[in-house]
């Protein structure tokens, strides 16, 4: 597996990977999907382009040859804080350790490039299995909850009005 920053030329394959892992029937092949909680898109090509072109953001890719097997979005949000999002692993490759490797490389990247002392993420509160996965890797619930962007189809169509994000943080 090779790890590198996403480039504009990666957007089409990156978008296909994210959608296949988070939404629809293909996502249900893996254990980390949101298909039971949301329908519609997870992201779009425009949003991915904006992340790739931003000064304080990066998408790290895990590639098996030319195929994108996983990705993670990192944002430099404060003096010593980074945000991790969009952690994605091909549904057919989940449970093989790639997610854990992407987390490790993310933590190294933000520490080495942005001198971050902590990394934060938000996870839909109702996804208890996924929150437990992150807790096993040292992330701790802060007790803070943030609203889900209900009514904004760019983030999908919630199947429940009760969706909200739990904030998790890890010192690195």
N, C-alpha and C. Protein backbone atom coordinates (compact mmCIF):
# COMPACT_ATOMS: atom_id res chain seq x y z
N UNK A 1 0.85 -1.17 0.00
CA UNK A 1 0.00 0.00 0.00
C UNK A 1 0.90 1.24 0.00
N UNK A 2 0.58 2.18 -0.88
CA UNK A 2 1.30 3.45 -0.93
C UNK A 2 0.38 4.54 -0.36
N UNK A 3 0.97 5.51 0.34
CA UNK A 3 0.20 6.60 0.94
C UNK A 3 0.71 7.91 0.37
N UNK A 4 -0.24 8.75 -0.07
CA UNK A 4 0.13 10.03 -0.68
C UNK A 4 -1.05 10.98 -0.60
N UNK A 5 -0.79 12.25 -0.85
CA UNK A 5 -1.85 13.26 -0.89
C UNK A 5 -2.68 13.12 -2.16
N UNK A 6 -3.97 13.35 -2.02
CA UNK A 6 -4.86 13.34 -3.18
C UNK A 6 -4.56 14.53 -4.08
N UNK A 7 -4.74 14.30 -5.36
CA UNK A 7 -4.57 15.34 -6.36
C UNK A 7 -5.89 15.50 -7.12
N UNK A 8 -6.00 16.55 -7.86
CA UNK A 8 -7.23 16.81 -8.63
C UNK A 8 -7.58 15.61 -9.50
N UNK A 9 -6.58 14.97 -10.11
CA UNK A 9 -6.84 13.81 -10.98
C UNK A 9 -7.45 12.62 -10.23
N UNK A 10 -7.37 12.62 -8.91
CA UNK A 10 -7.91 11.52 -8.11
C UNK A 10 -9.39 11.68 -7.78
N UNK A 11 -9.98 12.83 -8.05
CA UNK A 11 -11.32 13.15 -7.55
C UNK A 11 -12.37 12.13 -7.98
N UNK A 12 -12.42 11.75 -9.23
CA UNK A 12 -13.48 10.82 -9.69
C UNK A 12 -13.40 9.49 -8.94
N UNK A 13 -12.21 8.91 -8.85
CA UNK A 13 -12.06 7.63 -8.15
C UNK A 13 -12.28 7.80 -6.65
N UNK A 14 -11.84 8.90 -6.09
CA UNK A 14 -12.02 9.18 -4.67
C UNK A 14 -13.51 9.30 -4.34
N UNK A 15 -14.23 10.04 -5.16
CA UNK A 15 -15.67 10.20 -4.94
C UNK A 15 -16.38 8.85 -5.02
N UNK A 16 -16.04 8.04 -5.99
CA UNK A 16 -16.66 6.72 -6.12
C UNK A 16 -16.39 5.87 -4.88
N UNK A 17 -15.17 5.91 -4.36
CA UNK A 17 -14.83 5.14 -3.16
C UNK A 17 -15.66 5.60 -1.97
N UNK A 18 -15.72 6.90 -1.73
CA UNK A 18 -16.43 7.42 -0.57
C UNK A 18 -17.91 7.04 -0.64
N UNK A 19 -18.52 7.23 -1.77
CA UNK A 19 -19.94 6.91 -1.90
C UNK A 19 -20.18 5.41 -1.70
N UNK A 20 -19.29 4.58 -2.23
CA UNK A 20 -19.47 3.13 -2.10
C UNK A 20 -19.31 2.65 -0.66
N UNK A 21 -18.54 3.38 0.13
CA UNK A 21 -18.28 2.97 1.51
C UNK A 21 -19.31 3.51 2.51
N UNK A 22 -19.95 4.63 2.18
CA UNK A 22 -20.86 5.26 3.13
C UNK A 22 -22.34 5.06 2.82
N UNK A 23 -22.70 4.95 1.55
CA UNK A 23 -24.11 4.95 1.18
C UNK A 23 -24.47 3.77 0.28
N UNK A 24 -25.74 3.46 0.29
CA UNK A 24 -26.28 2.47 -0.64
C UNK A 24 -25.94 1.03 -0.28
N UNK A 25 -26.34 0.14 -1.16
CA UNK A 25 -26.15 -1.30 -0.93
C UNK A 25 -24.69 -1.71 -0.90
N UNK A 26 -23.85 -1.07 -1.72
CA UNK A 26 -22.43 -1.44 -1.73
C UNK A 26 -21.79 -1.20 -0.37
N UNK A 27 -22.23 -0.16 0.32
CA UNK A 27 -21.67 0.17 1.63
C UNK A 27 -21.95 -0.93 2.65
N UNK A 28 -23.05 -1.62 2.49
CA UNK A 28 -23.44 -2.64 3.47
C UNK A 28 -22.52 -3.86 3.44
N UNK A 29 -21.62 -3.94 2.47
CA UNK A 29 -20.61 -5.00 2.48
C UNK A 29 -19.59 -4.79 3.59
N UNK A 30 -19.44 -3.54 4.02
CA UNK A 30 -18.53 -3.20 5.12
C UNK A 30 -19.32 -2.94 6.39
N UNK A 31 -18.61 -2.72 7.49
CA UNK A 31 -19.29 -2.52 8.77
C UNK A 31 -19.38 -1.06 9.18
N UNK A 32 -18.74 -0.14 8.45
CA UNK A 32 -18.69 1.25 8.88
C UNK A 32 -19.67 2.16 8.14
N UNK A 33 -20.59 1.61 7.40
CA UNK A 33 -21.48 2.42 6.56
C UNK A 33 -22.51 3.21 7.38
N UNK A 34 -23.09 4.21 6.69
CA UNK A 34 -24.16 5.02 7.27
C UNK A 34 -25.48 4.77 6.54
N UNK A 35 -25.53 3.76 5.70
CA UNK A 35 -26.68 3.54 4.82
C UNK A 35 -27.99 3.34 5.57
N UNK A 36 -27.95 2.87 6.82
CA UNK A 36 -29.17 2.69 7.59
C UNK A 36 -29.66 4.00 8.21
N UNK A 37 -28.77 4.99 8.28
CA UNK A 37 -29.11 6.26 8.91
C UNK A 37 -29.37 7.38 7.91
N UNK A 38 -28.75 7.27 6.73
CA UNK A 38 -28.82 8.34 5.73
C UNK A 38 -28.94 7.74 4.34
N UNK A 39 -29.62 8.47 3.47
CA UNK A 39 -29.60 8.14 2.05
C UNK A 39 -29.03 9.35 1.32
N UNK A 40 -28.95 9.28 0.02
CA UNK A 40 -28.37 10.39 -0.73
C UNK A 40 -26.86 10.33 -0.70
N UNK A 41 -26.25 11.41 -1.07
CA UNK A 41 -24.79 11.44 -1.19
C UNK A 41 -24.10 11.65 0.15
N UNK A 42 -22.84 11.25 0.22
CA UNK A 42 -21.99 11.53 1.38
C UNK A 42 -21.20 12.81 1.14
N UNK A 43 -20.78 12.99 -0.11
CA UNK A 43 -20.05 14.19 -0.52
C UNK A 43 -20.21 14.34 -2.02
N UNK A 44 -19.56 15.31 -2.60
CA UNK A 44 -19.59 15.46 -4.05
C UNK A 44 -18.21 15.88 -4.55
N UNK A 45 -18.05 15.85 -5.86
CA UNK A 45 -16.74 16.16 -6.46
C UNK A 45 -16.31 17.58 -6.14
N UNK A 46 -17.26 18.53 -6.09
CA UNK A 46 -16.93 19.92 -5.79
C UNK A 46 -16.33 20.05 -4.39
N UNK A 47 -16.93 19.39 -3.41
CA UNK A 47 -16.42 19.45 -2.03
C UNK A 47 -15.03 18.82 -1.94
N UNK A 48 -14.82 17.71 -2.63
CA UNK A 48 -13.51 17.06 -2.62
C UNK A 48 -12.46 17.97 -3.24
N UNK A 49 -12.81 18.63 -4.33
CA UNK A 49 -11.88 19.57 -4.97
C UNK A 49 -11.52 20.71 -4.02
N UNK A 50 -12.51 21.24 -3.32
CA UNK A 50 -12.26 22.34 -2.38
C UNK A 50 -11.29 21.90 -1.27
N UNK A 51 -11.44 20.68 -0.78
CA UNK A 51 -10.53 20.18 0.25
C UNK A 51 -9.12 20.06 -0.31
N UNK A 52 -8.99 19.45 -1.48
CA UNK A 52 -7.68 19.24 -2.09
C UNK A 52 -6.97 20.56 -2.36
N UNK A 53 -7.73 21.58 -2.77
CA UNK A 53 -7.14 22.87 -3.11
C UNK A 53 -6.91 23.79 -1.91
N UNK A 54 -7.45 23.45 -0.76
CA UNK A 54 -7.35 24.31 0.42
C UNK A 54 -5.94 24.28 1.00
N UNK A 55 -5.54 25.41 1.58
CA UNK A 55 -4.20 25.52 2.18
C UNK A 55 -4.06 24.71 3.46
N UNK A 56 -5.11 24.63 4.26
CA UNK A 56 -5.01 24.01 5.58
C UNK A 56 -5.75 22.67 5.66
N UNK A 57 -5.87 22.01 4.49
CA UNK A 57 -6.53 20.71 4.45
C UNK A 57 -5.78 19.79 3.49
N UNK A 58 -5.96 18.50 3.71
CA UNK A 58 -5.35 17.51 2.83
C UNK A 58 -6.22 16.25 2.89
N UNK A 59 -6.23 15.51 1.82
CA UNK A 59 -6.80 14.17 1.82
C UNK A 59 -5.65 13.22 1.57
N UNK A 60 -5.41 12.33 2.53
CA UNK A 60 -4.40 11.30 2.35
C UNK A 60 -5.06 10.08 1.73
N UNK A 61 -4.40 9.51 0.74
CA UNK A 61 -4.90 8.32 0.05
C UNK A 61 -4.06 7.11 0.39
N UNK A 62 -4.71 5.98 0.48
CA UNK A 62 -4.03 4.68 0.53
C UNK A 62 -4.31 4.04 -0.82
N UNK A 63 -3.24 3.77 -1.57
CA UNK A 63 -3.40 3.21 -2.91
C UNK A 63 -2.76 1.84 -3.00
N UNK A 64 -3.48 0.95 -3.64
CA UNK A 64 -2.97 -0.37 -3.98
C UNK A 64 -2.75 -0.34 -5.48
N UNK A 65 -1.51 -0.06 -5.90
CA UNK A 65 -1.26 0.22 -7.31
C UNK A 65 -1.89 1.55 -7.65
N UNK A 66 -2.74 1.58 -8.67
CA UNK A 66 -3.45 2.80 -9.04
C UNK A 66 -4.81 2.91 -8.36
N UNK A 67 -5.28 1.85 -7.72
CA UNK A 67 -6.61 1.85 -7.11
C UNK A 67 -6.58 2.47 -5.72
N UNK A 68 -7.52 3.35 -5.45
CA UNK A 68 -7.63 3.96 -4.13
C UNK A 68 -8.37 3.00 -3.22
N UNK A 69 -7.70 2.57 -2.17
CA UNK A 69 -8.28 1.61 -1.22
C UNK A 69 -8.85 2.30 0.01
N UNK A 70 -8.38 3.52 0.30
CA UNK A 70 -8.85 4.24 1.47
C UNK A 70 -8.40 5.68 1.43
N UNK A 71 -8.98 6.48 2.31
CA UNK A 71 -8.61 7.90 2.38
C UNK A 71 -8.98 8.45 3.75
N UNK A 72 -8.45 9.63 4.02
CA UNK A 72 -8.81 10.37 5.24
C UNK A 72 -8.57 11.85 4.97
N UNK A 73 -9.48 12.68 5.43
CA UNK A 73 -9.36 14.13 5.32
C UNK A 73 -8.77 14.67 6.61
N UNK A 74 -7.81 15.58 6.49
CA UNK A 74 -7.21 16.23 7.65
C UNK A 74 -7.30 17.74 7.48
N UNK A 75 -7.65 18.45 8.54
CA UNK A 75 -7.75 19.90 8.51
C UNK A 75 -6.99 20.48 9.70
N UNK A 76 -6.24 21.52 9.42
CA UNK A 76 -5.51 22.24 10.48
C UNK A 76 -6.46 23.32 10.98
N UNK A 77 -7.06 23.11 12.15
CA UNK A 77 -8.13 23.99 12.61
C UNK A 77 -7.71 24.96 13.72
N UNK A 78 -6.56 24.76 14.29
CA UNK A 78 -6.12 25.65 15.35
C UNK A 78 -4.64 25.52 15.60
N UNK A 79 -4.14 26.33 16.51
CA UNK A 79 -2.72 26.34 16.83
C UNK A 79 -2.15 24.94 17.02
N UNK A 80 -2.85 24.12 17.78
CA UNK A 80 -2.32 22.78 18.05
C UNK A 80 -3.38 21.69 17.87
N UNK A 81 -4.42 22.00 17.08
CA UNK A 81 -5.52 21.06 16.88
C UNK A 81 -5.74 20.78 15.41
N UNK A 82 -5.94 19.49 15.11
CA UNK A 82 -6.30 19.07 13.76
C UNK A 82 -7.63 18.35 13.82
N UNK A 83 -8.31 18.33 12.69
CA UNK A 83 -9.59 17.63 12.57
C UNK A 83 -9.42 16.50 11.57
N UNK A 84 -9.97 15.34 11.91
CA UNK A 84 -9.92 14.17 11.05
C UNK A 84 -11.35 13.85 10.61
N UNK A 85 -11.53 13.65 9.33
CA UNK A 85 -12.85 13.31 8.81
C UNK A 85 -12.74 12.44 7.58
N UNK A 86 -13.86 11.98 7.11
CA UNK A 86 -13.96 11.23 5.85
C UNK A 86 -13.08 9.99 5.82
N UNK A 87 -12.83 9.40 6.98
CA UNK A 87 -12.04 8.17 7.00
C UNK A 87 -12.84 7.11 6.25
N UNK A 88 -12.25 6.61 5.18
CA UNK A 88 -12.94 5.69 4.27
C UNK A 88 -12.04 4.54 3.90
N UNK A 89 -12.58 3.33 3.97
CA UNK A 89 -11.88 2.14 3.49
C UNK A 89 -12.84 1.40 2.57
N UNK A 90 -12.34 0.95 1.44
CA UNK A 90 -13.15 0.15 0.51
C UNK A 90 -13.89 -0.92 1.30
N UNK A 91 -15.22 -1.04 1.14
CA UNK A 91 -15.99 -2.02 1.92
C UNK A 91 -15.44 -3.45 1.83
N UNK A 92 -14.86 -3.81 0.69
CA UNK A 92 -14.32 -5.16 0.53
C UNK A 92 -12.99 -5.36 1.25
N UNK A 93 -12.39 -4.27 1.74
CA UNK A 93 -11.09 -4.36 2.41
C UNK A 93 -11.17 -4.05 3.90
N UNK A 94 -12.38 -3.77 4.39
CA UNK A 94 -12.53 -3.44 5.81
C UNK A 94 -12.20 -4.64 6.68
N UNK A 95 -11.77 -4.36 7.88
CA UNK A 95 -11.38 -5.36 8.87
C UNK A 95 -10.02 -5.98 8.55
N UNK A 96 -9.22 -5.32 7.68
CA UNK A 96 -7.88 -5.82 7.35
C UNK A 96 -6.79 -4.91 7.92
N UNK A 97 -7.18 -3.88 8.70
CA UNK A 97 -6.19 -3.02 9.34
C UNK A 97 -5.89 -1.72 8.62
N UNK A 98 -6.50 -1.48 7.46
CA UNK A 98 -6.20 -0.26 6.72
C UNK A 98 -6.73 0.98 7.44
N UNK A 99 -7.89 0.89 8.06
CA UNK A 99 -8.42 2.03 8.81
C UNK A 99 -7.49 2.43 9.94
N UNK A 100 -6.99 1.45 10.65
CA UNK A 100 -6.05 1.71 11.75
C UNK A 100 -4.76 2.34 11.20
N UNK A 101 -4.29 1.86 10.07
CA UNK A 101 -3.08 2.42 9.45
C UNK A 101 -3.32 3.87 9.01
N UNK A 102 -4.50 4.16 8.46
CA UNK A 102 -4.82 5.53 8.07
C UNK A 102 -4.88 6.45 9.29
N UNK A 103 -5.42 5.96 10.39
CA UNK A 103 -5.43 6.75 11.62
C UNK A 103 -4.01 7.05 12.10
N UNK A 104 -3.16 6.05 12.12
CA UNK A 104 -1.77 6.22 12.55
C UNK A 104 -1.05 7.23 11.67
N UNK A 105 -1.19 7.08 10.36
CA UNK A 105 -0.53 8.01 9.43
C UNK A 105 -1.09 9.42 9.55
N UNK A 106 -2.39 9.53 9.83
CA UNK A 106 -3.00 10.85 10.04
C UNK A 106 -2.41 11.55 11.25
N UNK A 107 -2.30 10.81 12.33
CA UNK A 107 -1.74 11.38 13.56
C UNK A 107 -0.30 11.81 13.34
N UNK A 108 0.48 11.01 12.63
CA UNK A 108 1.86 11.37 12.33
C UNK A 108 1.91 12.61 11.44
N UNK A 109 1.05 12.67 10.42
CA UNK A 109 1.04 13.79 9.50
C UNK A 109 0.76 15.10 10.22
N UNK A 110 -0.30 15.14 11.04
CA UNK A 110 -0.66 16.41 11.69
C UNK A 110 0.35 16.81 12.75
N UNK A 111 0.97 15.85 13.39
CA UNK A 111 2.01 16.15 14.37
C UNK A 111 3.25 16.70 13.66
N UNK A 112 3.68 16.05 12.58
CA UNK A 112 4.91 16.43 11.88
C UNK A 112 4.76 17.68 11.02
N UNK A 113 3.59 17.88 10.40
CA UNK A 113 3.42 18.99 9.47
C UNK A 113 2.77 20.22 10.09
N UNK A 114 1.92 20.02 11.08
CA UNK A 114 1.20 21.14 11.68
C UNK A 114 1.51 21.30 13.17
N UNK A 115 2.37 20.45 13.71
CA UNK A 115 2.72 20.47 15.12
C UNK A 115 1.47 20.36 16.02
N UNK A 116 0.50 19.62 15.55
CA UNK A 116 -0.73 19.41 16.33
C UNK A 116 -0.42 18.58 17.57
N UNK A 117 -1.10 18.91 18.63
CA UNK A 117 -0.97 18.19 19.91
C UNK A 117 -2.19 17.30 20.17
N UNK A 118 -3.26 17.55 19.40
CA UNK A 118 -4.49 16.76 19.54
C UNK A 118 -5.19 16.68 18.19
N UNK A 119 -5.96 15.64 18.05
CA UNK A 119 -6.74 15.45 16.83
C UNK A 119 -8.19 15.18 17.25
N UNK A 120 -9.11 15.81 16.53
CA UNK A 120 -10.52 15.75 16.88
C UNK A 120 -11.31 15.22 15.69
N UNK A 121 -12.43 14.59 16.00
CA UNK A 121 -13.33 14.12 14.95
C UNK A 121 -14.75 14.20 15.46
N UNK A 122 -15.69 14.15 14.53
CA UNK A 122 -17.10 14.02 14.90
C UNK A 122 -17.62 12.74 14.27
N UNK A 123 -18.45 12.03 15.03
CA UNK A 123 -19.05 10.78 14.57
C UNK A 123 -20.53 10.86 14.90
N UNK A 124 -21.37 10.42 13.99
CA UNK A 124 -22.80 10.42 14.28
C UNK A 124 -23.02 9.64 15.58
N UNK A 125 -23.64 10.28 16.53
CA UNK A 125 -23.81 9.73 17.88
C UNK A 125 -24.46 8.34 17.87
N UNK A 126 -25.33 8.09 16.95
CA UNK A 126 -26.03 6.81 16.88
C UNK A 126 -25.16 5.67 16.37
N UNK A 127 -23.95 5.93 15.95
CA UNK A 127 -23.05 4.90 15.42
C UNK A 127 -22.14 4.37 16.54
N UNK A 128 -22.73 3.69 17.49
CA UNK A 128 -22.00 3.25 18.68
C UNK A 128 -20.85 2.29 18.37
N UNK A 129 -21.01 1.41 17.38
CA UNK A 129 -19.91 0.50 17.02
C UNK A 129 -18.70 1.26 16.50
N UNK A 130 -18.95 2.28 15.71
CA UNK A 130 -17.85 3.07 15.16
C UNK A 130 -17.19 3.91 16.26
N UNK A 131 -17.99 4.49 17.13
CA UNK A 131 -17.42 5.25 18.25
C UNK A 131 -16.55 4.33 19.11
N UNK A 132 -17.02 3.12 19.37
CA UNK A 132 -16.23 2.15 20.15
C UNK A 132 -14.91 1.82 19.45
N UNK A 133 -14.92 1.72 18.12
CA UNK A 133 -13.70 1.47 17.35
C UNK A 133 -12.69 2.58 17.61
N UNK A 134 -13.14 3.84 17.54
CA UNK A 134 -12.23 4.96 17.77
C UNK A 134 -11.77 5.00 19.23
N UNK A 135 -12.64 4.67 20.15
CA UNK A 135 -12.24 4.65 21.56
C UNK A 135 -11.15 3.62 21.80
N UNK A 136 -11.20 2.50 21.12
CA UNK A 136 -10.14 1.49 21.26
C UNK A 136 -8.81 2.00 20.72
N UNK A 137 -8.83 3.05 19.93
CA UNK A 137 -7.62 3.62 19.38
C UNK A 137 -7.22 4.92 20.08
N UNK A 138 -7.79 5.14 21.27
CA UNK A 138 -7.35 6.26 22.10
C UNK A 138 -8.18 7.53 22.01
N UNK A 139 -9.21 7.55 21.18
CA UNK A 139 -10.07 8.72 21.09
C UNK A 139 -11.07 8.67 22.24
N UNK A 140 -11.38 9.84 22.79
CA UNK A 140 -12.25 9.94 23.96
C UNK A 140 -13.40 10.89 23.62
N UNK A 141 -14.59 10.51 24.04
CA UNK A 141 -15.75 11.41 23.88
C UNK A 141 -15.53 12.63 24.77
N UNK A 142 -15.71 13.81 24.20
CA UNK A 142 -15.53 15.03 24.97
C UNK A 142 -16.79 15.41 25.74
N UNK A 143 -17.91 14.81 25.39
CA UNK A 143 -19.21 15.19 25.97
C UNK A 143 -19.92 16.23 25.13
N UNK A 144 -19.21 16.83 24.18
CA UNK A 144 -19.82 17.83 23.30
C UNK A 144 -20.59 17.13 22.19
N UNK A 145 -21.76 17.66 21.88
CA UNK A 145 -22.56 17.21 20.74
C UNK A 145 -22.73 18.38 19.79
N UNK A 146 -22.65 18.09 18.49
CA UNK A 146 -22.83 19.13 17.48
C UNK A 146 -23.99 18.73 16.57
N UNK A 147 -24.70 19.71 16.05
CA UNK A 147 -25.87 19.38 15.22
C UNK A 147 -25.48 18.77 13.88
N UNK A 148 -26.32 17.85 13.41
CA UNK A 148 -26.18 17.32 12.06
C UNK A 148 -26.80 18.34 11.12
N UNK A 149 -26.22 18.55 9.93
CA UNK A 149 -26.78 19.55 9.00
C UNK A 149 -28.05 19.05 8.31
N UNK A 150 -29.11 18.88 9.09
CA UNK A 150 -30.40 18.46 8.54
C UNK A 150 -30.86 19.48 7.49
N UNK A 151 -31.41 18.99 6.41
CA UNK A 151 -31.93 19.88 5.38
C UNK A 151 -30.90 20.30 4.35
N UNK A 152 -29.65 19.86 4.50
CA UNK A 152 -28.61 20.19 3.51
C UNK A 152 -28.27 18.91 2.76
N UNK A 153 -28.83 18.73 1.55
CA UNK A 153 -28.65 17.47 0.83
C UNK A 153 -27.20 17.16 0.44
N UNK A 154 -26.30 18.14 0.57
CA UNK A 154 -24.89 17.86 0.28
C UNK A 154 -24.34 16.81 1.24
N UNK A 155 -24.97 16.64 2.42
CA UNK A 155 -24.50 15.70 3.43
C UNK A 155 -25.39 14.48 3.55
N UNK A 156 -26.34 14.34 2.65
CA UNK A 156 -27.23 13.20 2.67
C UNK A 156 -28.59 13.56 3.25
N UNK A 157 -29.50 12.60 3.14
CA UNK A 157 -30.86 12.78 3.65
C UNK A 157 -31.04 11.88 4.87
N UNK A 158 -31.10 12.47 6.07
CA UNK A 158 -31.25 11.67 7.29
C UNK A 158 -32.58 10.91 7.30
N UNK A 159 -32.52 9.70 7.83
CA UNK A 159 -33.72 8.90 8.01
C UNK A 159 -34.32 9.11 9.40
N UNK A 160 -33.66 9.95 10.21
CA UNK A 160 -34.13 10.29 11.55
C UNK A 160 -33.80 11.75 11.83
N UNK A 161 -34.71 12.43 12.50
CA UNK A 161 -34.46 13.84 12.87
C UNK A 161 -33.56 13.93 14.10
N UNK A 162 -33.20 12.80 14.69
CA UNK A 162 -32.41 12.79 15.92
C UNK A 162 -30.91 12.69 15.70
N UNK A 163 -30.46 12.64 14.45
CA UNK A 163 -29.02 12.51 14.20
C UNK A 163 -28.28 13.74 14.72
N UNK A 164 -27.17 13.50 15.37
CA UNK A 164 -26.26 14.55 15.81
C UNK A 164 -24.87 13.95 15.94
N UNK A 165 -23.88 14.81 16.03
CA UNK A 165 -22.49 14.36 16.09
C UNK A 165 -21.96 14.36 17.52
N UNK A 166 -21.26 13.30 17.88
CA UNK A 166 -20.48 13.26 19.11
C UNK A 166 -19.05 13.68 18.75
N UNK A 167 -18.43 14.48 19.59
CA UNK A 167 -17.06 14.95 19.37
C UNK A 167 -16.12 14.02 20.14
N UNK A 168 -15.11 13.51 19.43
CA UNK A 168 -14.08 12.68 20.03
C UNK A 168 -12.74 13.36 19.84
N UNK A 169 -11.84 13.19 20.79
CA UNK A 169 -10.53 13.83 20.72
C UNK A 169 -9.46 12.89 21.25
N UNK A 170 -8.28 13.03 20.69
CA UNK A 170 -7.13 12.23 21.14
C UNK A 170 -5.90 13.12 21.21
N UNK A 171 -5.20 13.14 22.35
CA UNK A 171 -3.91 13.82 22.38
C UNK A 171 -2.90 12.99 21.59
N UNK A 172 -2.04 13.68 20.85
CA UNK A 172 -1.05 12.94 20.04
C UNK A 172 0.35 13.46 20.32
